[in-house]
């Protein structure tokens, strides 16, 4: 088999692996965003996350992994849309950020 054909097959295989791995990790990210929103009594809008960046990073054992950052929208009142984010290293969730939220406090009279 010529070298160019072999190289083409390897590139297609790498692209297929990246696509499959990205879908798998995105599903983990969706579950993490849903769990974080449920824990904070927020509503995850659109039930999905969107890739914001893709880079390389090292895990605790020094292995090279893909670091993915995702964004998602949530609502704390049902009438607004706020932006959250999460960062994953490989298939581990590193950070889920739902950001600061305004809290309404009724004034107490003394």
Protein backbone atom coordinates (compact mmCIF):
# COMPACT_ATOMS: atom_id res chain seq x y z
CA UNK A 1 0.00 0.00 0.00
CA UNK A 2 1.47 3.38 -0.95
CA UNK A 3 2.54 5.67 1.85
CA UNK A 4 0.11 8.44 0.84
CA UNK A 5 -2.90 6.11 1.07
CA UNK A 6 -1.77 4.82 4.45
CA UNK A 7 -1.31 8.37 5.69
CA UNK A 8 -4.81 9.26 4.44
CA UNK A 9 -6.34 6.31 6.28
CA UNK A 10 -4.52 7.29 9.48
CA UNK A 11 -5.73 10.89 9.21
CA UNK A 12 -9.33 9.75 8.63
CA UNK A 13 -9.03 7.39 11.61
CA UNK A 14 -7.75 10.22 13.82
CA UNK A 15 -10.63 12.48 12.74
CA UNK A 16 -13.17 9.71 13.44
CA UNK A 17 -11.66 9.13 16.90
CA UNK A 18 -11.71 12.86 17.69
CA UNK A 19 -15.37 13.09 16.65
CA UNK A 20 -16.39 10.04 18.71
CA UNK A 21 -14.40 11.20 21.77
CA UNK A 22 -15.84 14.73 21.49
CA UNK A 23 -19.42 13.43 21.45
CA UNK A 24 -18.70 11.20 24.46
CA UNK A 25 -17.08 14.02 26.48
CA UNK A 26 -19.83 16.49 25.52
CA UNK A 27 -22.42 14.07 26.93
CA UNK A 28 -20.49 13.97 30.21
CA UNK A 29 -20.40 17.78 30.15
CA UNK A 30 -24.17 17.99 29.63
CA UNK A 31 -24.74 15.71 32.64
CA UNK A 32 -22.34 17.82 34.74
CA UNK A 33 -24.08 21.08 33.73
CA UNK A 34 -27.50 19.58 34.53
CA UNK A 35 -26.29 18.37 37.92
CA UNK A 36 -24.74 21.77 38.76
CA UNK A 37 -27.90 23.60 37.73
CA UNK A 38 -30.09 21.22 39.71
CA UNK A 39 -27.88 21.63 42.80
CA UNK A 40 -28.18 25.43 42.60
CA UNK A 41 -31.91 25.32 41.69
CA UNK A 42 -31.25 26.71 38.22
CA UNK A 43 -32.76 25.75 34.89
CA UNK A 44 -30.36 24.54 32.18
CA UNK A 45 -31.60 26.12 28.97
CA UNK A 46 -31.50 24.24 25.67
CA UNK A 47 -30.28 21.10 27.54
CA UNK A 48 -26.87 21.28 25.90
CA UNK A 49 -23.35 22.67 26.09
CA UNK A 50 -21.36 24.26 23.28
CA UNK A 51 -17.61 23.92 22.75
CA UNK A 52 -15.75 27.17 23.43
CA UNK A 53 -12.14 26.01 23.17
CA UNK A 54 -10.01 22.93 22.65
CA UNK A 55 -6.41 22.68 23.80
CA UNK A 56 -3.89 20.29 25.28
CA UNK A 57 -3.35 19.83 29.00
CA UNK A 58 -1.78 17.37 31.43
CA UNK A 59 -3.65 15.31 33.99
CA UNK A 60 -2.48 14.53 37.54
CA UNK A 61 -0.23 11.73 36.27
CA UNK A 62 1.41 13.93 33.64
CA UNK A 63 -0.35 12.38 30.64
CA UNK A 64 -1.25 14.64 27.74
CA UNK A 65 -5.05 15.02 27.37
CA UNK A 66 -7.48 17.22 25.51
CA UNK A 67 -8.74 20.16 27.59
CA UNK A 68 -12.17 21.27 26.46
CA UNK A 69 -14.06 24.36 27.63
CA UNK A 70 -17.82 24.46 27.11
CA UNK A 71 -20.39 27.19 27.53
CA UNK A 72 -24.04 26.78 28.44
CA UNK A 73 -27.02 28.96 29.21
CA UNK A 74 -29.10 28.77 32.37
CA UNK A 75 -31.85 30.74 34.03
CA UNK A 76 -32.24 31.52 37.70
CA UNK A 77 -35.67 33.14 37.46
CA UNK A 78 -37.14 31.59 34.31
CA UNK A 79 -37.26 35.02 32.63
CA UNK A 80 -33.59 35.57 31.90
CA UNK A 81 -30.64 33.89 30.25
CA UNK A 82 -27.24 33.74 31.93
CA UNK A 83 -24.00 32.20 30.71
CA UNK A 84 -22.19 29.39 32.52
CA UNK A 85 -19.11 27.41 31.63
CA UNK A 86 -17.36 24.17 32.37
CA UNK A 87 -13.86 22.86 31.75
CA UNK A 88 -13.00 19.22 31.16
CA UNK A 89 -9.64 17.49 31.00
CA UNK A 90 -10.01 14.23 29.14
CA UNK A 91 -13.35 12.94 30.40
CA UNK A 92 -12.98 14.46 33.89
CA UNK A 93 -14.90 17.58 34.86
CA UNK A 94 -12.51 20.15 36.34
CA UNK A 95 -14.74 23.19 36.90
CA UNK A 96 -18.41 24.07 36.50
CA UNK A 97 -19.08 27.79 36.77
CA UNK A 98 -22.58 29.21 37.03
CA UNK A 99 -21.25 32.63 37.95
CA UNK A 100 -22.51 35.16 40.44
CA UNK A 101 -26.24 35.63 40.74
CA UNK A 102 -28.27 38.47 42.19
CA UNK A 103 -30.09 37.57 45.36
CA UNK A 104 -33.14 39.55 46.38
CA UNK A 105 -33.20 40.23 50.09
CA UNK A 106 -36.23 41.84 51.63
CA UNK A 107 -35.34 44.66 53.99
CA UNK A 108 -36.12 44.02 57.63
CA UNK A 109 -37.53 46.83 59.70
CA UNK A 110 -36.34 47.27 63.25
